[in-house]
Amino acid sequence: MRKTFILPPVLTVVCLVATARAGEPDAVPAEQFDALHALVKPQPGESRWMEIPWLTSVWEARQQAAAEGKPIFIWAGSGGGPVGVC
């Protein structure tokens, strides 16, 4: 007896139907915009990494680390260069 796999075609059809029915989202009414905007903005204490006084200059970080006797943490972007102004 031969097994047939119908799950992939069924999932494909379901995804196509869902995408076709999605259409454009409804606009947010002007009177609800401020409340919605407050909900999606980062709240105090939510993004603690933004509270760190990051340095974008490796040279400045090296001088500060040497003065304070601390190590340097380098967060590099694609290509290996230090993260700076993109």
PDB file of N, CA and C in Angstrom:
ATOM      1  N   MET A   1       0.836  -1.171   0.000  1.00  0.00           N
ATOM      2  CA  MET A   1       0.000   0.000   0.000  1.00  0.00           C
ATOM      3  C   MET A   1       0.891   1.248   0.000  1.00  0.00           C
ATOM      4  N   ARG A   2       0.600   2.177  -0.861  1.00  0.00           N
ATOM      5  CA  ARG A   2       1.414   3.366  -1.022  1.00  0.00           C
ATOM      6  C   ARG A   2       0.879   4.487  -0.144  1.00  0.00           C
ATOM      7  N   LYS A   3       1.791   5.115   0.603  1.00  0.00           N
ATOM      8  CA  LYS A   3       1.391   6.239   1.450  1.00  0.00           C
ATOM      9  C   LYS A   3       1.400   7.518   0.620  1.00  0.00           C
ATOM     10  N   THR A   4       0.425   8.334   0.832  1.00  0.00           N
ATOM     11  CA  THR A   4       0.406   9.623   0.144  1.00  0.00           C
ATOM     12  C   THR A   4       0.546  10.722   1.186  1.00  0.00           C
ATOM     13  N   PHE A   5       1.302  11.677   0.843  1.00  0.00           N
ATOM     14  CA  PHE A   5       1.519  12.798   1.748  1.00  0.00           C
ATOM     15  C   PHE A   5       0.718  13.986   1.237  1.00  0.00           C
ATOM     16  N   ILE A   6      -0.377  14.274   1.900  1.00  0.00           N
ATOM     17  CA  ILE A   6      -1.220  15.379   1.457  1.00  0.00           C
ATOM     18  C   ILE A   6      -1.036  16.615   2.324  1.00  0.00           C
ATOM     19  N   LEU A   7      -0.274  16.506   3.414  1.00  0.00           N
ATOM     20  CA  LEU A   7      -0.098  17.646   4.302  1.00  0.00           C
ATOM     21  C   LEU A   7       0.548  18.847   3.604  1.00  0.00           C
ATOM     22  N   PRO A   8       1.659  18.709   2.876  1.00  0.00           N
ATOM     23  CA  PRO A   8       2.247  19.892   2.219  1.00  0.00           C
ATOM     24  C   PRO A   8       1.284  20.605   1.260  1.00  0.00           C
ATOM     25  N   PRO A   9       0.564  19.898   0.389  1.00  0.00           N
ATOM     26  CA  PRO A   9      -0.364  20.626  -0.476  1.00  0.00           C
ATOM     27  C   PRO A   9      -1.493  21.302   0.300  1.00  0.00           C
ATOM     28  N   VAL A  10      -1.965  20.653   1.351  1.00  0.00           N
ATOM     29  CA  VAL A  10      -3.039  21.248   2.149  1.00  0.00           C
ATOM     30  C   VAL A  10      -2.540  22.511   2.831  1.00  0.00           C
ATOM     31  N   LEU A  11      -1.331  22.480   3.398  1.00  0.00           N
ATOM     32  CA  LEU A  11      -0.768  23.670   4.041  1.00  0.00           C
ATOM     33  C   LEU A  11      -0.554  24.796   3.043  1.00  0.00           C
ATOM     34  N   THR A  12      -0.142  24.442   1.851  1.00  0.00           N
ATOM     35  CA  THR A  12       0.054  25.447   0.810  1.00  0.00           C
ATOM     36  C   THR A  12      -1.257  26.140   0.476  1.00  0.00           C
ATOM     37  N   VAL A  13      -2.322  25.378   0.328  1.00  0.00           N
ATOM     38  CA  VAL A  13      -3.633  25.955   0.009  1.00  0.00           C
ATOM     39  C   VAL A  13      -4.116  26.839   1.156  1.00  0.00           C
ATOM     40  N   VAL A  14      -3.941  26.379   2.384  1.00  0.00           N
ATOM     41  CA  VAL A  14      -4.370  27.173   3.540  1.00  0.00           C
ATOM     42  C   VAL A  14      -3.614  28.496   3.593  1.00  0.00           C
ATOM     43  N   CYS A  15      -2.311  28.463   3.358  1.00  0.00           N
ATOM     44  CA  CYS A  15      -1.514  29.692   3.362  1.00  0.00           C
ATOM     45  C   CYS A  15      -1.932  30.646   2.254  1.00  0.00           C
ATOM     46  N   LEU A  16      -2.197  30.114   1.078  1.00  0.00           N
ATOM     47  CA  LEU A  16      -2.633  30.962  -0.030  1.00  0.00           C
ATOM     48  C   LEU A  16      -3.977  31.612   0.246  1.00  0.00           C
ATOM     49  N   VAL A  17      -4.894  30.854   0.827  1.00  0.00           N
ATOM     50  CA  VAL A  17      -6.216  31.408   1.146  1.00  0.00           C
ATOM     51  C   VAL A  17      -6.094  32.478   2.220  1.00  0.00           C
ATOM     52  N   ALA A  18      -5.286  32.211   3.249  1.00  0.00           N
ATOM     53  CA  ALA A  18      -5.117  33.177   4.327  1.00  0.00           C
ATOM     54  C   ALA A  18      -4.477  34.459   3.811  1.00  0.00           C
ATOM     55  N   THR A  19      -3.498  34.334   2.921  1.00  0.00           N
ATOM     56  CA  THR A  19      -2.840  35.510   2.364  1.00  0.00           C
ATOM     57  C   THR A  19      -3.796  36.303   1.488  1.00  0.00           C
ATOM     58  N   ALA A  20      -4.591  35.623   0.700  1.00  0.00           N
ATOM     59  CA  ALA A  20      -5.531  36.304  -0.192  1.00  0.00           C
ATOM     60  C   ALA A  20      -6.606  37.040   0.600  1.00  0.00           C
ATOM     61  N   ARG A  21      -6.997  36.487   1.738  1.00  0.00           N
ATOM     62  CA  ARG A  21      -8.063  37.097   2.524  1.00  0.00           C
ATOM     63  C   ARG A  21      -7.545  38.212   3.415  1.00  0.00           C
ATOM     64  N   ALA A  22      -6.223  38.284   3.640  1.00  0.00           N
ATOM     65  CA  ALA A  22      -5.678  39.253   4.572  1.00  0.00           C
ATOM     66  C   ALA A  22      -5.923  40.685   4.107  1.00  0.00           C
ATOM     67  N   GLY A  23      -5.579  41.006   2.881  1.00  0.00           N
ATOM     68  CA  GLY A  23      -5.800  42.345   2.347  1.00  0.00           C
ATOM     69  C   GLY A  23      -5.063  43.412   3.143  1.00  0.00           C
ATOM     70  N   GLU A  24      -5.533  44.627   3.025  1.00  0.00           N
ATOM     71  CA  GLU A  24      -4.944  45.752   3.738  1.00  0.00           C
ATOM     72  C   GLU A  24      -5.515  45.830   5.147  1.00  0.00           C
ATOM     73  N   PRO A  25      -4.670  46.146   6.133  1.00  0.00           N
ATOM     74  CA  PRO A  25      -5.184  46.292   7.497  1.00  0.00           C
ATOM     75  C   PRO A  25      -6.015  47.564   7.625  1.00  0.00           C
ATOM     76  N   ASP A  26      -6.925  47.556   8.581  1.00  0.00           N
ATOM     77  CA  ASP A  26      -7.744  48.739   8.823  1.00  0.00           C
ATOM     78  C   ASP A  26      -6.881  49.840   9.425  1.00  0.00           C
ATOM     79  N   ALA A  27      -7.200  51.075   9.094  1.00  0.00           N
ATOM     80  CA  ALA A  27      -6.477  52.209   9.650  1.00  0.00           C
ATOM     81  C   ALA A  27      -6.844  52.377  11.120  1.00  0.00           C
ATOM     82  N   VAL A  28      -5.886  52.858  11.909  1.00  0.00           N
ATOM     83  CA  VAL A  28      -6.144  53.113  13.325  1.00  0.00           C
ATOM     84  C   VAL A  28      -6.853  54.451  13.431  1.00  0.00           C
ATOM     85  N   PRO A  29      -8.003  54.486  14.094  1.00  0.00           N
ATOM     86  CA  PRO A  29      -8.705  55.770  14.264  1.00  0.00           C
ATOM     87  C   PRO A  29      -7.835  56.778  15.013  1.00  0.00           C
ATOM     88  N   ALA A  30      -7.927  58.036  14.648  1.00  0.00           N
ATOM     89  CA  ALA A  30      -7.082  59.086  15.233  1.00  0.00           C
ATOM     90  C   ALA A  30      -7.213  59.155  16.746  1.00  0.00           C
ATOM     91  N   GLU A  31      -8.420  58.943  17.277  1.00  0.00           N
ATOM     92  CA  GLU A  31      -8.620  59.049  18.725  1.00  0.00           C
ATOM     93  C   GLU A  31      -7.985  57.882  19.493  1.00  0.00           C
ATOM     94  N   GLN A  32      -7.656  56.781  18.818  1.00  0.00           N
ATOM     95  CA  GLN A  32      -7.033  55.627  19.465  1.00  0.00           C
ATOM     96  C   GLN A  32      -5.518  55.566  19.232  1.00  0.00           C
ATOM     97  N   PHE A  33      -5.014  56.428  18.368  1.00  0.00           N
ATOM     98  CA  PHE A  33      -3.608  56.343  17.988  1.00  0.00           C
ATOM     99  C   PHE A  33      -2.659  56.539  19.163  1.00  0.00           C
ATOM    100  N   ASP A  34      -2.883  57.587  19.983  1.00  0.00           N
ATOM    101  CA  ASP A  34      -1.972  57.858  21.093  1.00  0.00           C
ATOM    102  C   ASP A  34      -1.910  56.700  22.083  1.00  0.00           C
ATOM    103  N   ALA A  35      -3.058  56.100  22.398  1.00  0.00           N
ATOM    104  CA  ALA A  35      -3.085  54.979  23.332  1.00  0.00           C
ATOM    105  C   ALA A  35      -2.345  53.778  22.748  1.00  0.00           C
ATOM    106  N   LEU A  36      -2.561  53.499  21.465  1.00  0.00           N
ATOM    107  CA  LEU A  36      -1.877  52.382  20.813  1.00  0.00           C
ATOM    108  C   LEU A  36      -0.374  52.634  20.728  1.00  0.00           C
ATOM    109  N   HIS A  37      -0.004  53.856  20.416  1.00  0.00           N
ATOM    110  CA  HIS A  37       1.405  54.216  20.319  1.00  0.00           C
ATOM    111  C   HIS A  37       2.099  54.034  21.667  1.00  0.00           C
ATOM    112  N   ALA A  38       1.451  54.395  22.759  1.00  0.00           N
ATOM    113  CA  ALA A  38       2.023  54.224  24.100  1.00  0.00           C
ATOM    114  C   ALA A  38       2.217  52.744  24.427  1.00  0.00           C
ATOM    115  N   LEU A  39       1.344  51.882  23.916  1.00  0.00           N
ATOM    116  CA  LEU A  39       1.462  50.448  24.184  1.00  0.00           C
ATOM    117  C   LEU A  39       2.653  49.808  23.477  1.00  0.00           C
ATOM    118  N   VAL A  40       2.983  50.273  22.279  1.00  0.00           N
ATOM    119  CA  VAL A  40       4.046  49.630  21.504  1.00  0.00           C
ATOM    120  C   VAL A  40       5.422  50.248  21.738  1.00  0.00           C
ATOM    121  N   LYS A  41       5.491  51.422  22.352  1.00  0.00           N
ATOM    122  CA  LYS A  41       6.780  52.032  22.657  1.00  0.00           C
ATOM    123  C   LYS A  41       7.452  51.262  23.786  1.00  0.00           C
ATOM    124  N   PRO A  42       8.789  51.177  23.772  1.00  0.00           N
ATOM    125  CA  PRO A  42       9.478  50.526  24.895  1.00  0.00           C
ATOM    126  C   PRO A  42       9.154  51.253  26.201  1.00  0.00           C
ATOM    127  N   GLN A  43       8.835  50.485  27.219  1.00  0.00           N
ATOM    128  CA  GLN A  43       8.499  51.045  28.522  1.00  0.00           C
ATOM    129  C   GLN A  43       9.770  51.188  29.361  1.00  0.00           C
ATOM    130  N   PRO A  44       9.758  52.053  30.380  1.00  0.00           N
ATOM    131  CA  PRO A  44      10.946  52.203  31.227  1.00  0.00           C
ATOM    132  C   PRO A  44      11.364  50.855  31.821  1.00  0.00           C
ATOM    133  N   GLY A  45      12.653  50.548  31.728  1.00  0.00           N
ATOM    134  CA  GLY A  45      13.184  49.303  32.257  1.00  0.00           C
ATOM    135  C   GLY A  45      13.042  48.118  31.324  1.00  0.00           C
ATOM    136  N   GLU A  46      12.373  48.294  30.195  1.00  0.00           N
ATOM    137  CA  GLU A  46      12.133  47.188  29.275  1.00  0.00           C
ATOM    138  C   GLU A  46      13.346  46.900  28.396  1.00  0.00           C
ATOM    139  N   SER A  47      14.066  47.933  28.010  1.00  0.00           N
ATOM    140  CA  SER A  47      15.261  47.778  27.168  1.00  0.00           C
ATOM    141  C   SER A  47      16.466  48.260  27.966  1.00  0.00           C
ATOM    142  N   ARG A  48      16.878  47.459  28.935  1.00  0.00           N
ATOM    143  CA  ARG A  48      17.940  47.864  29.852  1.00  0.00           C
ATOM    144  C   ARG A  48      19.257  48.125  29.123  1.00  0.00           C
ATOM    145  N   TRP A  49      19.491  47.468  27.981  1.00  0.00           N
ATOM    146  CA  TRP A  49      20.744  47.664  27.263  1.00  0.00           C
ATOM    147  C   TRP A  49      20.867  49.085  26.728  1.00  0.00           C
ATOM    148  N   MET A  50      19.719  49.783  26.565  1.00  0.00           N
ATOM    149  CA  MET A  50      19.764  51.166  26.083  1.00  0.00           C
ATOM    150  C   MET A  50      20.212  52.127  27.186  1.00  0.00           C
ATOM    151  N   GLU A  51      20.219  51.676  28.436  1.00  0.00           N
ATOM    152  CA  GLU A  51      20.634  52.510  29.553  1.00  0.00           C
ATOM    153  C   GLU A  51      22.155  52.487  29.752  1.00  0.00           C
ATOM    154  N   ILE A  52      22.852  51.608  29.052  1.00  0.00           N
ATOM    155  CA  ILE A  52      24.305  51.506  29.171  1.00  0.00           C
ATOM    156  C   ILE A  52      24.940  52.633  28.362  1.00  0.00           C
ATOM    157  N   PRO A  53      25.901  53.349  28.938  1.00  0.00           N
ATOM    158  CA  PRO A  53      26.555  54.427  28.180  1.00  0.00           C
ATOM    159  C   PRO A  53      27.576  53.858  27.180  1.00  0.00           C
ATOM    160  N   TRP A  54      27.072  53.333  26.053  1.00  0.00           N
ATOM    161  CA  TRP A  54      27.931  52.716  25.044  1.00  0.00           C
ATOM    162  C   TRP A  54      28.844  53.758  24.416  1.00  0.00           C
ATOM    163  N   LEU A  55      30.044  53.346  24.049  1.00  0.00           N
ATOM    164  CA  LEU A  55      30.971  54.188  23.304  1.00  0.00           C
ATOM    165  C   LEU A  55      31.087  53.627  21.895  1.00  0.00           C
ATOM    166  N   THR A  56      31.078  54.501  20.907  1.00  0.00           N
ATOM    167  CA  THR A  56      31.180  54.036  19.518  1.00  0.00           C
ATOM    168  C   THR A  56      32.608  54.132  18.991  1.00  0.00           C
ATOM    169  N   SER A  57      33.482  54.702  19.768  1.00  0.00           N
ATOM    170  CA  SER A  57      34.885  54.804  19.369  1.00  0.00           C
ATOM    171  C   SER A  57      35.703  53.774  20.155  1.00  0.00           C
ATOM    172  N   VAL A  58      36.378  52.875  19.444  1.00  0.00           N
ATOM    173  CA  VAL A  58      37.206  51.864  20.099  1.00  0.00           C
ATOM    174  C   VAL A  58      38.344  52.547  20.856  1.00  0.00           C
ATOM    175  N   TRP A  59      38.902  53.609  20.298  1.00  0.00           N
ATOM    176  CA  TRP A  59      39.996  54.305  20.952  1.00  0.00           C
ATOM    177  C   TRP A  59      39.543  54.916  22.280  1.00  0.00           C
ATOM    178  N   GLU A  60      38.375  55.574  22.293  1.00  0.00           N
ATOM    179  CA  GLU A  60      37.854  56.150  23.535  1.00  0.00           C
ATOM    180  C   GLU A  60      37.559  55.050  24.553  1.00  0.00           C
ATOM    181  N   ALA A  61      36.990  53.940  24.090  1.00  0.00           N
ATOM    182  CA  ALA A  61      36.690  52.823  24.986  1.00  0.00           C
ATOM    183  C   ALA A  61      37.972  52.250  25.576  1.00  0.00           C
ATOM    184  N   ARG A  62      39.015  52.172  24.760  1.00  0.00           N
ATOM    185  CA  ARG A  62      40.301  51.643  25.228  1.00  0.00           C
ATOM    186  C   ARG A  62      40.912  52.548  26.285  1.00  0.00           C
ATOM    187  N   GLN A  63      40.853  53.863  26.056  1.00  0.00           N
ATOM    188  CA  GLN A  63      41.386  54.804  27.036  1.00  0.00           C
ATOM    189  C   GLN A  63      40.595  54.744  28.346  1.00  0.00           C
ATOM    190  N   GLN A  64      39.279  54.689  28.254  1.00  0.00           N
ATOM    191  CA  GLN A  64      38.436  54.642  29.451  1.00  0.00           C
ATOM    192  C   GLN A  64      38.653  53.339  30.216  1.00  0.00           C
ATOM    193  N   ALA A  65      38.743  52.231  29.489  1.00  0.00           N
ATOM    194  CA  ALA A  65      38.965  50.936  30.131  1.00  0.00           C
ATOM    195  C   ALA A  65      40.315  50.905  30.845  1.00  0.00           C
ATOM    196  N   ALA A  66      41.339  51.475  30.230  1.00  0.00           N
ATOM    197  CA  ALA A  66      42.660  51.510  30.849  1.00  0.00           C
ATOM    198  C   ALA A  66      42.639  52.373  32.110  1.00  0.00           C
ATOM    199  N   ALA A  67      41.938  53.498  32.050  1.00  0.00           N
ATOM    200  CA  ALA A  67      41.873  54.400  33.202  1.00  0.00           C
ATOM    201  C   ALA A  67      41.120  53.760  34.372  1.00  0.00           C
ATOM    202  N   GLU A  68      40.087  52.950  34.056  1.00  0.00           N
ATOM    203  CA  GLU A  68      39.270  52.341  35.102  1.00  0.00           C
ATOM    204  C   GLU A  68      39.708  50.920  35.456  1.00  0.00           C
ATOM    205  N   GLY A  69      40.673  50.375  34.698  1.00  0.00           N
ATOM    206  CA  GLY A  69      41.137  49.013  34.950  1.00  0.00           C
ATOM    207  C   GLY A  69      40.072  47.969  34.644  1.00  0.00           C
ATOM    208  N   LYS A  70      39.307  48.207  33.597  1.00  0.00           N
ATOM    209  CA  LYS A  70      38.219  47.291  33.215  1.00  0.00           C
ATOM    210  C   LYS A  70      38.463  46.750  31.814  1.00  0.00           C
ATOM    211  N   PRO A  71      37.830  45.622  31.486  1.00  0.00           N
ATOM    212  CA  PRO A  71      37.967  45.080  30.121  1.00  0.00           C
ATOM    213  C   PRO A  71      37.068  45.836  29.140  1.00  0.00           C
ATOM    214  N   ILE A  72      37.272  45.564  27.861  1.00  0.00           N
ATOM    215  CA  ILE A  72      36.456  46.167  26.798  1.00  0.00           C
ATOM    216  C   ILE A  72      35.539  45.096  26.225  1.00  0.00           C
ATOM    217  N   PHE A  73      34.293  45.455  26.011  1.00  0.00           N
ATOM    218  CA  PHE A  73      33.344  44.583  25.318  1.00  0.00           C
ATOM    219  C   PHE A  73      33.112  45.206  23.954  1.00  0.00           C
ATOM    220  N   ILE A  74      33.457  44.474  22.905  1.00  0.00           N
ATOM    221  CA  ILE A  74      33.266  44.993  21.546  1.00  0.00           C
ATOM    222  C   ILE A  74      32.139  44.216  20.894  1.00  0.00           C
ATOM    223  N   TRP A  75      31.134  44.934  20.445  1.00  0.00           N
ATOM    224  CA  TRP A  75      29.996  44.355  19.755  1.00  0.00           C
ATOM    225  C   TRP A  75      30.184  44.701  18.285  1.00  0.00           C
ATOM    226  N   ALA A  76      30.501  43.704  17.472  1.00  0.00           N
ATOM    227  CA  ALA A  76      30.829  43.944  16.072  1.00  0.00           C
ATOM    228  C   ALA A  76      29.630  43.640  15.170  1.00  0.00           C
ATOM    229  N   GLY A  77      29.545  44.389  14.093  1.00  0.00           N
ATOM    230  CA  GLY A  77      28.496  44.172  13.110  1.00  0.00           C
ATOM    231  C   GLY A  77      28.972  43.242  12.020  1.00  0.00           C
ATOM    232  N   SER A  78      28.234  43.172  10.941  1.00  0.00           N
ATOM    233  CA  SER A  78      28.611  42.289   9.834  1.00  0.00           C
ATOM    234  C   SER A  78      29.940  42.750   9.243  1.00  0.00           C
ATOM    235  N   GLY A  79      30.753  41.803   8.881  1.00  0.00           N
ATOM    236  CA  GLY A  79      32.053  42.133   8.332  1.00  0.00           C
ATOM    237  C   GLY A  79      33.116  42.270   9.394  1.00  0.00           C
ATOM    238  N   GLY A  80      32.732  42.215  10.670  1.00  0.00           N
ATOM    239  CA  GLY A  80      33.698  42.236  11.747  1.00  0.00           C
ATOM    240  C   GLY A  80      34.090  43.609  12.249  1.00  0.00           C
ATOM    241  N   GLY A  81      33.676  44.674  11.573  1.00  0.00           N
ATOM    242  CA  GLY A  81      34.015  46.007  12.041  1.00  0.00           C
ATOM    243  C   GLY A  81      33.194  46.375  13.256  1.00  0.00           C
ATOM    244  N   PRO A  82      33.761  47.203  14.140  1.00  0.00           N
ATOM    245  CA  PRO A  82      32.984  47.626  15.313  1.00  0.00           C
ATOM    246  C   PRO A  82      31.719  48.354  14.880  1.00  0.00           C
ATOM    247  N   VAL A  83      30.678  48.199  15.665  1.00  0.00           N
ATOM    248  CA  VAL A  83      29.412  48.853  15.355  1.00  0.00           C
ATOM    249  C   VAL A  83      29.596  50.344  15.542  1.00  0.00           C
ATOM    250  N   GLY A  84      29.220  51.095  14.564  1.00  0.00           N
ATOM    251  CA  GLY A  84      29.303  52.551  14.637  1.00  0.00           C
ATOM    252  C   GLY A  84      28.158  53.129  13.839  1.00  0.00           C
ATOM    253  N   VAL A  85      28.382  54.256  13.277  1.00  0.00           N
ATOM    254  CA  VAL A  85      27.361  54.892  12.467  1.00  0.00           C
ATOM    255  C   VAL A  85      27.231  54.125  11.150  1.00  0.00           C
ATOM    256  N   CYS A  86      26.048  53.680  10.841  1.00  0.00           N
ATOM    257  CA  CYS A  86      25.825  52.901   9.621  1.00  0.00           C
ATOM    258  C   CYS A  86      25.533  53.801   8.451  1.00  0.00           C
TER     259      CYS A  86
END
